[in-house]
């Protein structure tokens, strides 16, 4: 474990606590050095007699002395005072009368210089009683620390045995310490963070302040610099370091804040060892972020920027996209392998200049949602200003799709069925965090559409998102080439648009849901295929997987049920909007 930024021991009695003892009060104590150093912890009490005893101190002791056997000349006293203070005692209690009527000036000067309290006793006291009382308090504090350490260890062990999620473990550590705690990976990207106590989540400003440190580190490329007084340890095991656990300043803990954090880091390291692929760490930070941004758990641009940048997605001066990546067709293997392949390929496709945050899609078991960030002028954004030569051809594959296809080609198994494709949906270009989230929210609907059939041939899906030229096994859906779909999806949640869609399509939906002769249940699908190719009914019939004669019969039935002419442009536009809103 890395040494804590501020090494905090168990809450031992302080010099101020010791001065409240009646045994010391009986000696009429005088604070020769004032209030200096009264918060220093007292590790033990030791009586020093003679000039040579000072060299035997270990540090942190409450030194009790009468000055008996000390030299009387200033030079020797100065040397003795230097030896005594170099041992870093907690405080020096000097009983006057036997050899000195006042505290020796060289000792006073040296104690002030080293900020060590010097207390002069004007009345005689029994040192044995003082040492006994101090030792009782020290032992009581140590016993409390052992009990507290055992309680923390037991709690964290139970969490490990329960296979508790990483974010839950971090939250419990924050509760124990009573201060915010942050878990970051080896690249200093925030994996999980937690405030402490019952007010968790009620003060967004606290999250801002907490994440600002890590957002600044991601922006500058430097290591995070938490506030002074923070405690920071490495999360590592078997010589491998996975990240860091940091607790911001807070009240002392009986077991010691550094000890609690080290126990927490050890529990997290054990969990990381059990998760051989690191999937939990890989998913957690992104999932928490996607949950926050898609559910609107942010107050404004600054809050959203801090969350994105602390997770490793640069925002300022970058070209941003929301995206989805979904497998379609038969992968010929476990879905988990498919997602892992898609995830790795996209990471490689945007590297090294680009950045991506990924999470499993909440709408499709075969899909990923993504936030992409590229530097200005990166050709993979598809910006015509960044493209030259053959890339500008109308039929050229999208640059990011071409890069993704190359990465997939190197990863996909040779036995993969020919029908499998990766569908990459890219939202509208954004340059501000809120626009990025809007880009993701609207394009995310493509995961639902593209996931309806394994081969991706659903005509409803194709009516709301036309495939542009991809590359290899990668299809591309561009929101910027679907302005109507992008616009309607932004309005689809309004009651007026919902009512419009329901009213327009209700006769077809009712007919599809009925049973019996003449009720094929595919009128919505047929309509979607027709709207995708209104000037080519043969192609529309092929997409609907119907013969032309049957397709024409369905079209005639749709016109009859809706009382419309599907050859009219206004009708086509209205039904397209209704179908988009329904999606």
Protein backbone atom coordinates (compact mmCIF):
# COMPACT_ATOMS: atom_id res chain seq x y z
CA UNK A 1 0.00 0.00 0.00
CA UNK A 2 1.13 3.55 -0.68
CA UNK A 3 1.87 5.69 2.35
CA UNK A 4 -1.10 7.88 3.23
CA UNK A 5 -0.90 11.51 2.16
CA UNK A 6 -1.46 12.41 5.77
CA UNK A 7 -0.61 9.60 8.14
CA UNK A 8 -3.30 9.63 10.83
CA UNK A 9 -2.95 7.39 13.85
CA UNK A 10 -5.69 6.29 16.18
CA UNK A 11 -7.02 9.24 18.24
CA UNK A 12 -4.53 9.13 21.14
CA UNK A 13 -4.91 11.61 24.01
CA UNK A 14 -3.49 15.01 23.13
CA UNK A 15 -1.30 17.29 25.21
CA UNK A 16 -4.41 19.38 25.89
CA UNK A 17 -6.20 16.27 27.20
CA UNK A 18 -3.29 15.40 29.48
CA UNK A 19 -3.18 18.92 30.96
CA UNK A 20 -6.75 18.46 32.16
CA UNK A 21 -5.66 15.65 34.52
CA UNK A 22 -6.08 16.60 38.18
CA UNK A 23 -2.61 15.22 38.94
CA UNK A 24 -1.08 17.84 36.64
CA UNK A 25 -3.44 20.63 37.69
CA UNK A 26 -2.19 20.12 41.24
CA UNK A 27 1.24 21.28 40.10
CA UNK A 28 0.00 24.75 39.03
CA UNK A 29 1.04 24.28 35.39
CA UNK A 30 2.29 27.23 33.32
CA UNK A 31 2.21 27.07 29.52
CA UNK A 32 5.66 28.48 28.87
CA UNK A 33 5.27 28.14 25.09
CA UNK A 34 1.63 29.27 25.08
CA UNK A 35 -0.92 27.31 23.10
CA UNK A 36 1.73 26.01 20.75
CA UNK A 37 1.39 22.28 19.91
CA UNK A 38 -1.39 21.41 22.36
CA UNK A 39 -3.06 19.17 19.76
CA UNK A 40 -0.01 16.87 19.51
CA UNK A 41 -0.84 13.22 20.36
CA UNK A 42 0.73 11.61 23.42
CA UNK A 43 1.97 8.10 22.70
CA UNK A 44 3.42 7.36 26.15
CA UNK A 45 4.76 9.04 29.29
CA UNK A 46 8.41 8.87 30.33
CA UNK A 47 10.41 10.30 33.24
CA UNK A 48 13.77 11.73 32.16
CA UNK A 49 16.48 12.03 34.80
CA UNK A 50 20.06 12.99 34.05
CA UNK A 51 21.63 14.47 30.94
CA UNK A 52 21.93 11.17 29.02
CA UNK A 53 18.34 9.94 29.28
CA UNK A 54 16.99 12.25 26.56
CA UNK A 55 18.81 10.26 23.88
CA UNK A 56 16.78 7.16 24.79
CA UNK A 57 13.44 8.63 23.67
CA UNK A 58 11.58 7.23 20.62
CA UNK A 59 9.31 10.22 19.96
CA UNK A 60 5.75 11.07 20.93
CA UNK A 61 6.37 10.71 24.67
CA UNK A 62 5.16 13.07 27.37
CA UNK A 63 8.51 13.86 29.01
CA UNK A 64 8.43 14.44 32.79
CA UNK A 65 11.57 15.92 34.38
CA UNK A 66 12.83 18.03 37.26
CA UNK A 67 16.10 18.84 35.51
CA UNK A 68 18.00 16.82 38.10
CA UNK A 69 21.51 16.02 36.84
CA UNK A 70 21.30 18.58 34.06
CA UNK A 71 24.26 20.90 33.40
CA UNK A 72 24.02 24.52 34.48
CA UNK A 73 26.02 26.31 31.75
CA UNK A 74 24.17 27.61 28.69
CA UNK A 75 26.24 25.74 26.09
CA UNK A 76 25.66 22.35 27.71
CA UNK A 77 21.99 23.16 28.29
CA UNK A 78 21.62 24.13 24.64
CA UNK A 79 23.16 20.82 23.55
CA UNK A 80 20.87 18.87 25.89
CA UNK A 81 17.81 20.83 24.71
CA UNK A 82 18.73 20.05 21.10
CA UNK A 83 19.07 16.32 21.86
CA UNK A 84 15.77 16.29 23.73
CA UNK A 85 13.73 18.15 21.06
CA UNK A 86 15.35 16.19 18.21
CA UNK A 87 13.69 13.10 19.71
CA UNK A 88 10.34 14.84 18.97
CA UNK A 89 8.54 14.31 22.28
CA UNK A 90 4.84 15.18 22.48
CA UNK A 91 5.52 17.72 25.24
CA UNK A 92 7.91 18.46 28.07
CA UNK A 93 6.65 18.91 31.64
CA UNK A 94 9.35 20.58 33.73
CA UNK A 95 8.89 20.62 37.51
CA UNK A 96 10.61 23.68 38.99
CA UNK A 97 12.33 23.93 42.34
CA UNK A 98 14.84 21.10 42.63
CA UNK A 99 17.50 22.35 40.22
CA UNK A 100 15.88 25.22 38.32
CA UNK A 101 13.67 28.07 39.51
CA UNK A 102 12.58 28.83 35.92
CA UNK A 103 12.53 26.82 32.75
CA UNK A 104 16.03 26.87 31.17
CA UNK A 105 16.05 29.55 28.38
CA UNK A 106 17.85 27.25 25.82
CA UNK A 107 15.09 24.66 26.33
CA UNK A 108 12.37 27.29 25.97
CA UNK A 109 13.88 28.62 22.75
CA UNK A 110 14.32 25.15 21.29
CA UNK A 111 10.75 24.05 22.17
CA UNK A 112 9.32 27.17 20.52
CA UNK A 113 11.42 26.54 17.43
CA UNK A 114 10.20 22.92 17.16
CA UNK A 115 6.60 23.75 18.23
CA UNK A 116 6.83 21.37 21.20
CA UNK A 117 4.75 22.40 24.24
CA UNK A 118 6.77 23.20 27.38
CA UNK A 119 4.83 23.19 30.64
CA UNK A 120 6.38 24.36 33.90
CA UNK A 121 5.01 23.00 37.18
CA UNK A 122 5.34 25.37 40.14
CA UNK A 123 4.27 22.81 42.75
CA UNK A 124 5.64 19.35 43.41
CA UNK A 125 3.64 16.45 41.96
CA UNK A 126 3.95 12.68 41.91
CA UNK A 127 5.22 11.69 38.48
CA UNK A 128 4.18 8.06 39.03
CA UNK A 129 0.52 9.08 39.24
CA UNK A 130 0.79 11.15 36.07
CA UNK A 131 2.45 8.34 34.11
CA UNK A 132 -0.14 5.88 35.38
CA UNK A 133 -3.07 8.06 34.29
CA UNK A 134 -1.50 8.84 30.90
CA UNK A 135 -0.80 5.17 30.26
CA UNK A 136 -4.40 4.29 31.14
CA UNK A 137 -5.66 6.74 28.54
CA UNK A 138 -3.18 5.57 25.90
CA UNK A 139 -4.07 1.92 26.45
CA UNK A 140 -7.80 2.72 26.36
CA UNK A 141 -7.29 4.52 23.02
CA UNK A 142 -5.30 1.61 21.64
CA UNK A 143 -7.97 -0.86 22.75
CA UNK A 144 -10.65 1.29 21.11
CA UNK A 145 -8.55 1.38 17.94
CA UNK A 146 -8.23 -2.42 17.92
CA UNK A 147 -11.98 -2.85 18.38
CA UNK A 148 -12.72 -0.29 15.68
CA UNK A 149 -10.25 -1.91 13.31
CA UNK A 150 -11.83 -5.31 13.93
CA UNK A 151 -15.31 -3.89 13.25
CA UNK A 152 -14.18 -2.33 9.96
CA UNK A 153 -12.34 -5.49 8.95
CA UNK A 154 -15.41 -7.61 9.72
CA UNK A 155 -17.69 -5.30 7.72
CA UNK A 156 -15.42 -5.27 4.68
CA UNK A 157 -14.95 -9.05 4.87
CA UNK A 158 -18.72 -9.53 4.83
CA UNK A 159 -19.00 -7.23 1.82
CA UNK A 160 -16.37 -9.31 0.05
CA UNK A 161 -18.11 -12.59 0.87
CA UNK A 162 -21.39 -11.08 -0.35
CA UNK A 163 -19.67 -10.04 -3.61
CA UNK A 164 -20.97 -6.55 -3.02
CA UNK A 165 -20.63 -4.12 -5.96
CA UNK A 166 -17.60 -1.85 -5.97
CA UNK A 167 -19.67 1.34 -5.66
CA UNK A 168 -21.45 -0.08 -2.61
CA UNK A 169 -18.11 -0.88 -0.94
CA UNK A 170 -16.89 2.65 -1.63
CA UNK A 171 -20.10 4.07 -0.16
CA UNK A 172 -19.67 2.04 3.03
CA UNK A 173 -16.07 3.24 3.40
CA UNK A 174 -17.29 6.83 3.05
CA UNK A 175 -19.90 6.22 5.75
CA UNK A 176 -17.30 4.77 8.12
CA UNK A 177 -14.92 7.70 7.64
CA UNK A 178 -17.64 10.34 7.49
CA UNK A 179 -16.05 11.97 4.45
CA UNK A 180 -16.15 11.69 0.64
CA UNK A 181 -14.23 8.77 -0.88
CA UNK A 182 -13.11 8.37 -4.51
CA UNK A 183 -11.96 5.21 -6.29
CA UNK A 184 -9.98 5.79 -9.48
CA UNK A 185 -8.28 3.42 -11.88
CA UNK A 186 -4.58 3.41 -12.74
CA UNK A 187 -5.22 6.11 -15.34
CA UNK A 188 -6.82 8.32 -12.66
CA UNK A 189 -10.28 7.99 -14.21
CA UNK A 190 -13.00 7.98 -11.57
CA UNK A 191 -14.59 4.55 -11.15
CA UNK A 192 -16.83 5.31 -8.18
CA UNK A 193 -17.27 8.02 -5.62
CA UNK A 194 -19.46 8.51 -2.57
CA UNK A 195 -20.35 11.26 -0.18
CA UNK A 196 -20.97 10.29 3.43
CA UNK A 197 -23.98 10.14 5.69
CA UNK A 198 -27.74 10.56 5.22
CA UNK A 199 -27.37 13.62 2.98
CA UNK A 200 -25.77 11.65 0.14
CA UNK A 201 -26.95 12.93 -3.23
CA UNK A 202 -28.73 16.00 -1.80
CA UNK A 203 -25.89 18.44 -2.37
CA UNK A 204 -24.78 18.45 -6.01
CA UNK A 205 -22.26 21.19 -5.21
CA UNK A 206 -20.40 18.70 -3.04
CA UNK A 207 -20.11 16.33 -6.02
CA UNK A 208 -18.84 19.23 -8.14
CA UNK A 209 -16.11 20.01 -5.64
CA UNK A 210 -15.24 16.34 -5.29
CA UNK A 211 -14.96 15.57 -9.00
CA UNK A 212 -13.22 18.83 -9.94
CA UNK A 213 -9.88 17.45 -8.74
CA UNK A 214 -10.05 14.42 -11.03
CA UNK A 215 -11.54 16.33 -13.95
CA UNK A 216 -8.61 18.77 -13.77
CA UNK A 217 -6.16 15.85 -13.65
CA UNK A 218 -7.69 14.27 -16.77
CA UNK A 219 -7.54 17.61 -18.55
CA UNK A 220 -3.91 18.32 -17.65
CA UNK A 221 -2.56 14.78 -17.71
CA UNK A 222 -1.08 15.28 -14.23
CA UNK A 223 -1.78 13.21 -11.12
CA UNK A 224 -4.81 14.30 -9.05
CA UNK A 225 -4.08 16.64 -6.15
CA UNK A 226 -6.76 16.17 -3.48
CA UNK A 227 -7.08 18.82 -0.73
CA UNK A 228 -4.49 18.94 2.05
CA UNK A 229 -5.37 16.48 4.80
CA UNK A 230 -6.70 13.85 2.40
CA UNK A 231 -5.68 10.23 2.83
CA UNK A 232 -4.70 8.30 -0.28
CA UNK A 233 -3.65 4.68 -0.72
CA UNK A 234 -3.04 2.39 -3.68
CA UNK A 235 -5.34 -0.49 -4.58
CA UNK A 236 -2.95 -3.27 -5.45
CA UNK A 237 -2.16 -6.94 -4.90
CA UNK A 238 0.48 -9.40 -6.12
CA UNK A 239 2.58 -6.57 -7.42
CA UNK A 240 -0.16 -5.20 -9.68
CA UNK A 241 -1.62 -1.75 -9.06
CA UNK A 242 -5.17 -1.14 -10.34
CA UNK A 243 -5.86 2.30 -8.95
CA UNK A 244 -6.12 4.50 -5.89
CA UNK A 245 -8.57 5.06 -3.07
CA UNK A 246 -8.74 8.57 -1.65
CA UNK A 247 -10.62 9.91 1.37
CA UNK A 248 -11.01 13.65 1.64
CA UNK A 249 -10.40 15.36 4.99
CA UNK A 250 -12.69 14.39 7.84
CA UNK A 251 -12.91 13.70 11.55
CA UNK A 252 -10.49 11.20 13.19
CA UNK A 253 -11.57 7.57 13.32
CA UNK A 254 -10.75 5.27 16.28
CA UNK A 255 -8.96 2.83 13.99
CA UNK A 256 -7.14 5.63 12.16
CA UNK A 257 -8.31 7.02 8.83
CA UNK A 258 -5.32 5.61 6.98
CA UNK A 259 -5.96 2.17 8.48
CA UNK A 260 -9.62 2.20 7.44
CA UNK A 261 -8.69 3.26 3.92
CA UNK A 262 -5.98 0.59 3.66
CA UNK A 263 -8.47 -2.08 4.76
CA UNK A 264 -10.92 -0.78 2.16
CA UNK A 265 -8.26 -0.81 -0.54
CA UNK A 266 -7.34 -4.38 0.39
CA UNK A 267 -11.00 -5.48 0.11
CA UNK A 268 -11.29 -3.79 -3.29
CA UNK A 269 -8.05 -5.45 -4.42
CA UNK A 270 -9.39 -8.88 -3.45
CA UNK A 271 -12.54 -8.17 -5.43
CA UNK A 272 -10.43 -7.09 -8.38
CA UNK A 273 -8.45 -10.34 -8.20
CA UNK A 274 -11.70 -12.31 -8.28
CA UNK A 275 -12.79 -10.35 -11.36
CA UNK A 276 -10.07 -11.62 -13.69
CA UNK A 277 -11.21 -9.56 -16.68
CA UNK A 278 -11.84 -6.42 -14.67
CA UNK A 279 -15.37 -6.26 -16.05
CA UNK A 280 -16.86 -4.77 -12.90
CA UNK A 281 -14.36 -1.91 -12.81
CA UNK A 282 -14.62 -1.49 -16.56
CA UNK A 283 -18.40 -1.20 -16.49
CA UNK A 284 -19.01 0.56 -13.21
CA UNK A 285 -17.65 4.03 -13.89
CA UNK A 286 -19.26 4.26 -17.33
CA UNK A 287 -22.58 2.79 -16.19
CA UNK A 288 -22.85 5.23 -13.33
CA UNK A 289 -22.06 8.10 -15.64
CA UNK A 290 -24.55 6.99 -18.32
CA UNK A 291 -27.24 6.54 -15.67
CA UNK A 292 -26.59 10.07 -14.43
CA UNK A 293 -26.58 11.81 -17.78
CA UNK A 294 -29.49 9.90 -19.33
CA UNK A 295 -31.62 10.41 -16.22
CA UNK A 296 -30.76 14.09 -15.99
CA UNK A 297 -28.80 13.86 -12.71
CA UNK A 298 -26.82 17.01 -13.29
CA UNK A 299 -27.49 20.69 -12.69
CA UNK A 300 -25.88 22.31 -15.68
CA UNK A 301 -23.00 22.43 -18.11
CA UNK A 302 -20.28 22.67 -15.45
CA UNK A 303 -21.63 19.75 -13.43
CA UNK A 304 -21.99 17.64 -16.56
CA UNK A 305 -18.52 18.59 -17.79
CA UNK A 306 -16.96 17.58 -14.45
CA UNK A 307 -18.66 14.19 -14.55
CA UNK A 308 -17.58 13.53 -18.13
CA UNK A 309 -13.99 14.73 -17.75
CA UNK A 310 -13.40 12.99 -14.41
CA UNK A 311 -14.45 9.75 -16.14
CA UNK A 312 -11.85 10.35 -18.85
CA UNK A 313 -13.84 11.98 -21.66
CA UNK A 314 -12.33 15.36 -22.63
CA UNK A 315 -14.92 17.96 -23.62
CA UNK A 316 -13.32 21.37 -24.14
CA UNK A 317 -12.30 22.00 -27.74
CA UNK A 318 -13.38 18.54 -28.88
CA UNK A 319 -15.84 17.08 -31.40
CA UNK A 320 -18.38 14.96 -29.52
CA UNK A 321 -20.83 12.24 -30.55
CA UNK A 322 -23.41 10.06 -28.92
CA UNK A 323 -23.35 6.60 -30.47
CA UNK A 324 -24.59 3.04 -30.24
CA UNK A 325 -22.93 -0.15 -31.41
CA UNK A 326 -25.01 -3.27 -31.84
CA UNK A 327 -24.49 -6.74 -33.18
CA UNK A 328 -27.06 -8.02 -35.72
CA UNK A 329 -27.40 -11.48 -37.18
CA UNK A 330 -26.09 -14.73 -35.76
CA UNK A 331 -22.78 -14.28 -33.94
CA UNK A 332 -22.35 -18.01 -33.49
CA UNK A 333 -21.30 -17.69 -29.86
CA UNK A 334 -22.16 -16.30 -26.45
CA UNK A 335 -23.58 -12.76 -26.34
CA UNK A 336 -20.96 -11.78 -23.78
CA UNK A 337 -18.22 -12.54 -26.29
CA UNK A 338 -19.99 -10.47 -28.92
CA UNK A 339 -20.20 -7.44 -26.61
CA UNK A 340 -16.60 -7.83 -25.50
CA UNK A 341 -15.49 -7.92 -29.13
CA UNK A 342 -17.50 -4.83 -30.02
CA UNK A 343 -16.21 -3.00 -26.96
CA UNK A 344 -12.55 -3.73 -27.66
CA UNK A 345 -12.84 -2.96 -31.37
CA UNK A 346 -14.42 0.45 -30.74
CA UNK A 347 -11.78 1.34 -28.15
CA UNK A 348 -9.09 0.52 -30.68
CA UNK A 349 -10.90 2.34 -33.49
CA UNK A 350 -10.93 5.67 -31.64
CA UNK A 351 -7.40 5.40 -30.19
CA UNK A 352 -5.04 7.06 -29.68
CA UNK A 353 -6.30 10.62 -30.17
CA UNK A 354 -9.97 9.84 -29.57
CA UNK A 355 -11.63 8.89 -26.31
CA UNK A 356 -14.71 6.76 -25.68
CA UNK A 357 -16.91 5.90 -22.71
CA UNK A 358 -18.95 2.71 -23.12
CA UNK A 359 -21.74 1.00 -21.22
CA UNK A 360 -24.12 -1.85 -21.93
CA UNK A 361 -27.31 -0.60 -23.52
CA UNK A 362 -30.27 -0.55 -21.12
CA UNK A 363 -32.50 -1.38 -24.12
CA UNK A 364 -30.68 -4.24 -25.84
CA UNK A 365 -28.67 -7.19 -24.56
CA UNK A 366 -26.57 -7.03 -27.73
CA UNK A 367 -25.90 -3.31 -27.74
CA UNK A 368 -23.55 -0.71 -26.32
CA UNK A 369 -24.11 3.00 -25.80
CA UNK A 370 -21.11 5.26 -26.24
CA UNK A 371 -19.88 8.81 -25.84
CA UNK A 372 -17.10 9.70 -28.29
CA UNK A 373 -14.64 12.59 -28.16
CA UNK A 374 -12.20 13.50 -30.95
CA UNK A 375 -9.86 16.43 -31.47
CA UNK A 376 -10.92 19.04 -34.00
CA UNK A 377 -9.97 18.01 -37.53
CA UNK A 378 -9.81 14.28 -36.80
CA UNK A 379 -10.88 12.54 -40.05
CA UNK A 380 -12.79 9.88 -38.11
CA UNK A 381 -15.47 12.45 -37.26
CA UNK A 382 -16.57 12.37 -40.90
CA UNK A 383 -16.29 16.16 -41.14
CA UNK A 384 -15.75 17.01 -44.82
CA UNK A 385 -13.26 19.69 -43.81
CA UNK A 386 -11.03 16.95 -42.35
CA UNK A 387 -11.31 14.64 -45.35
CA UNK A 388 -9.41 14.68 -48.60
CA UNK A 389 -9.17 12.77 -51.85
CA UNK A 390 -11.01 9.48 -52.05
CA UNK A 391 -12.56 10.04 -48.63
CA UNK A 392 -14.72 12.76 -50.16
CA UNK A 393 -16.38 10.40 -52.65
CA UNK A 394 -20.11 10.10 -52.15
CA UNK A 395 -19.85 6.30 -51.94
CA UNK A 396 -16.80 6.26 -49.63
CA UNK A 397 -17.31 4.42 -46.30
CA UNK A 398 -17.53 6.50 -43.17
CA UNK A 399 -13.97 6.87 -41.78
CA UNK A 400 -14.83 5.63 -38.30
CA UNK A 401 -16.71 2.66 -39.75
CA UNK A 402 -13.72 1.79 -41.93
CA UNK A 403 -11.39 1.90 -38.93
CA UNK A 404 -13.82 -0.14 -36.83
CA UNK A 405 -14.17 -2.72 -39.61
CA UNK A 406 -10.39 -3.19 -39.73
CA UNK A 407 -10.23 -3.74 -35.99
CA UNK A 408 -13.10 -6.23 -36.11
CA UNK A 409 -11.50 -8.10 -38.99
CA UNK A 410 -8.48 -8.80 -36.80
CA UNK A 411 -10.64 -9.97 -33.88
CA UNK A 412 -13.60 -11.88 -35.28
CA UNK A 413 -13.37 -15.68 -35.44
CA UNK A 414 -12.97 -17.24 -38.86
CA UNK A 415 -16.10 -19.34 -38.29
CA UNK A 416 -18.35 -16.31 -37.78
CA UNK A 417 -21.53 -16.60 -39.90
CA UNK A 418 -21.55 -14.34 -42.95
CA UNK A 419 -24.85 -12.74 -41.90
CA UNK A 420 -23.38 -11.06 -38.82
CA UNK A 421 -22.93 -7.29 -38.90
CA UNK A 422 -22.01 -4.54 -36.44
CA UNK A 423 -24.35 -1.59 -36.63
CA UNK A 424 -22.79 1.73 -35.65
CA UNK A 425 -25.24 4.60 -35.08
CA UNK A 426 -23.70 8.06 -34.77
CA UNK A 427 -25.61 10.99 -33.34
CA UNK A 428 -25.41 14.58 -34.45
CA UNK A 429 -22.06 16.31 -33.93
CA UNK A 430 -21.85 18.23 -30.65
CA UNK A 431 -19.36 20.56 -29.02
CA UNK A 432 -21.04 21.12 -25.68
CA UNK A 433 -21.90 18.53 -23.02
CA UNK A 434 -25.69 19.01 -23.15
CA UNK A 435 -25.69 18.71 -26.92
CA UNK A 436 -23.68 15.51 -26.55
CA UNK A 437 -26.27 14.01 -24.22
CA UNK A 438 -29.06 15.02 -26.59
CA UNK A 439 -27.10 13.35 -29.40
CA UNK A 440 -26.91 10.14 -27.37
CA UNK A 441 -30.53 10.19 -26.18
CA UNK A 442 -31.92 10.44 -29.69
CA UNK A 443 -29.60 8.02 -31.42
CA UNK A 444 -30.03 5.47 -28.60
CA UNK A 445 -33.45 4.63 -30.04
CA UNK A 446 -31.62 2.94 -32.90
CA UNK A 447 -30.60 0.15 -30.51
CA UNK A 448 -34.25 -0.70 -30.03
CA UNK A 449 -35.00 -0.56 -33.72
CA UNK A 450 -31.96 -2.49 -34.84
CA UNK A 451 -32.39 -5.10 -32.15
CA UNK A 452 -35.84 -6.25 -33.23
CA UNK A 453 -34.58 -8.91 -35.56
CA UNK A 454 -31.30 -10.72 -35.41
CA UNK A 455 -30.46 -10.06 -39.03
CA UNK A 456 -31.27 -6.35 -38.80
CA UNK A 457 -33.77 -6.58 -41.64
CA UNK A 458 -36.76 -5.15 -39.79
CA UNK A 459 -38.41 -2.71 -42.23
CA UNK A 460 -39.64 -0.58 -39.35
CA UNK A 461 -36.05 -0.09 -38.28
CA UNK A 462 -34.95 0.74 -41.81
CA UNK A 463 -37.74 3.26 -42.24
CA UNK A 464 -36.55 5.31 -39.32
CA UNK A 465 -32.81 5.01 -39.99
CA UNK A 466 -31.42 4.61 -43.48
CA UNK A 467 -28.13 2.77 -43.66
CA UNK A 468 -25.35 4.75 -45.30
CA UNK A 469 -22.29 3.17 -46.83
CA UNK A 470 -20.40 1.20 -44.24
CA UNK A 471 -17.31 -0.93 -44.51
CA UNK A 472 -16.83 -4.67 -44.30
CA UNK A 473 -19.06 -5.99 -41.54
CA UNK A 474 -19.93 -2.52 -40.24
CA UNK A 475 -23.15 -0.71 -41.13
CA UNK A 476 -23.44 2.98 -40.29
CA UNK A 477 -26.54 4.95 -39.33
CA UNK A 478 -25.99 8.71 -39.28
CA UNK A 479 -28.41 10.99 -37.47
CA UNK A 480 -27.18 13.88 -39.59
CA UNK A 481 -28.55 12.04 -42.64
CA UNK A 482 -31.91 11.52 -40.92
CA UNK A 483 -32.91 15.08 -39.97
CA UNK A 484 -36.61 14.27 -39.80
CA UNK A 485 -36.07 11.23 -37.55
CA UNK A 486 -33.74 13.25 -35.35
CA UNK A 487 -36.29 16.07 -35.06
CA UNK A 488 -39.27 13.84 -34.36
CA UNK A 489 -37.46 11.84 -31.70
CA UNK A 490 -36.75 15.05 -29.86
CA UNK A 491 -40.48 15.78 -29.77
CA UNK A 492 -41.83 12.25 -29.45
CA UNK A 493 -42.45 12.48 -25.71
CA UNK A 494 -44.83 15.45 -25.98
CA UNK A 495 -48.54 14.59 -25.56
CA UNK A 496 -49.46 16.32 -28.82
CA UNK A 497 -47.07 14.24 -30.94
CA UNK A 498 -48.02 11.04 -29.15
CA UNK A 499 -51.69 11.72 -29.75
CA UNK A 500 -51.00 12.52 -33.42
CA UNK A 501 -49.13 9.25 -33.90
CA UNK A 502 -51.79 7.20 -32.15
CA UNK A 503 -54.61 8.78 -34.13
CA UNK A 504 -52.88 8.30 -37.49
CA UNK A 505 -51.89 4.67 -36.96
CA UNK A 506 -54.66 3.34 -34.72
CA UNK A 507 -56.67 1.64 -37.52
CA UNK A 508 -53.58 -0.31 -38.60
CA UNK A 509 -52.59 -1.22 -35.03
CA UNK A 510 -56.14 -2.42 -34.31
CA UNK A 511 -56.23 -4.47 -37.49
CA UNK A 512 -52.80 -6.03 -36.76
CA UNK A 513 -53.84 -7.05 -33.26
CA UNK A 514 -57.02 -8.80 -34.47
CA UNK A 515 -57.18 -12.47 -35.38
CA UNK A 516 -58.94 -14.30 -38.15
CA UNK A 517 -59.22 -14.25 -41.94
CA UNK A 518 -57.88 -11.11 -43.55
CA UNK A 519 -55.85 -10.09 -40.50
CA UNK A 520 -52.21 -10.68 -41.39
CA UNK A 521 -50.76 -8.66 -38.49
CA UNK A 522 -48.13 -7.00 -40.66
CA UNK A 523 -49.68 -3.73 -41.85
CA UNK A 524 -47.33 -1.55 -39.77
CA UNK A 525 -44.36 -3.44 -41.19
CA UNK A 526 -45.68 -3.07 -44.72
CA UNK A 527 -46.28 0.63 -44.22
CA UNK A 528 -42.74 1.07 -42.91
CA UNK A 529 -41.31 -0.71 -45.94
CA UNK A 530 -43.41 1.42 -48.28
CA UNK A 531 -42.36 4.68 -46.57
CA UNK A 532 -38.72 3.60 -46.86
CA UNK A 533 -39.12 3.25 -50.65
CA UNK A 534 -42.21 5.21 -51.74
CA UNK A 535 -41.04 5.40 -55.36
CA UNK A 536 -40.02 1.76 -55.68
CA UNK A 537 -42.75 -0.60 -54.61
CA UNK A 538 -40.83 -3.64 -55.83
CA UNK A 539 -37.96 -2.85 -53.49
CA UNK A 540 -40.43 -2.12 -50.70
CA UNK A 541 -42.09 -5.50 -51.23
CA UNK A 542 -38.70 -7.19 -51.15
CA UNK A 543 -37.86 -5.45 -47.84
CA UNK A 544 -41.23 -6.51 -46.40
CA UNK A 545 -40.49 -10.06 -47.60
CA UNK A 546 -43.73 -10.30 -49.53
CA UNK A 547 -44.53 -11.02 -53.14
CA UNK A 548 -45.42 -7.93 -55.14
CA UNK A 549 -49.03 -9.00 -55.55
CA UNK A 550 -49.50 -9.59 -51.82
CA UNK A 551 -47.65 -6.35 -51.04
CA UNK A 552 -49.96 -4.38 -53.34
CA UNK A 553 -52.98 -5.93 -51.62
CA UNK A 554 -51.64 -4.81 -48.25
CA UNK A 555 -51.06 -1.28 -49.54
CA UNK A 556 -54.62 -1.13 -50.83
CA UNK A 557 -55.91 -2.29 -47.43
CA UNK A 558 -53.84 0.36 -45.65
CA UNK A 559 -55.25 3.08 -47.91
CA UNK A 560 -58.77 1.80 -47.22
CA UNK A 561 -58.35 1.63 -43.43
CA UNK A 562 -56.69 5.05 -43.19
CA UNK A 563 -58.82 6.61 -45.95
CA UNK A 564 -55.72 8.12 -47.60
CA UNK A 565 -53.89 8.05 -50.92
CA UNK A 566 -50.33 6.81 -50.35
CA UNK A 567 -49.20 8.49 -53.55
CA UNK A 568 -49.69 11.96 -52.03
CA UNK A 569 -46.59 13.65 -50.62
CA UNK A 570 -48.43 15.16 -47.62
CA UNK A 571 -49.77 11.73 -46.67
CA UNK A 572 -46.31 10.17 -46.91
CA UNK A 573 -44.85 12.94 -44.70
CA UNK A 574 -47.61 12.66 -42.08
CA UNK A 575 -47.37 8.88 -41.84
CA UNK A 576 -43.57 9.03 -41.67
CA UNK A 577 -43.77 11.41 -38.69
CA UNK A 578 -46.38 9.20 -37.03
CA UNK A 579 -44.24 6.09 -37.48
CA UNK A 580 -41.11 7.87 -36.23
CA UNK A 581 -42.95 9.09 -33.14
CA UNK A 582 -44.24 5.57 -32.47
CA UNK A 583 -40.68 4.24 -32.60
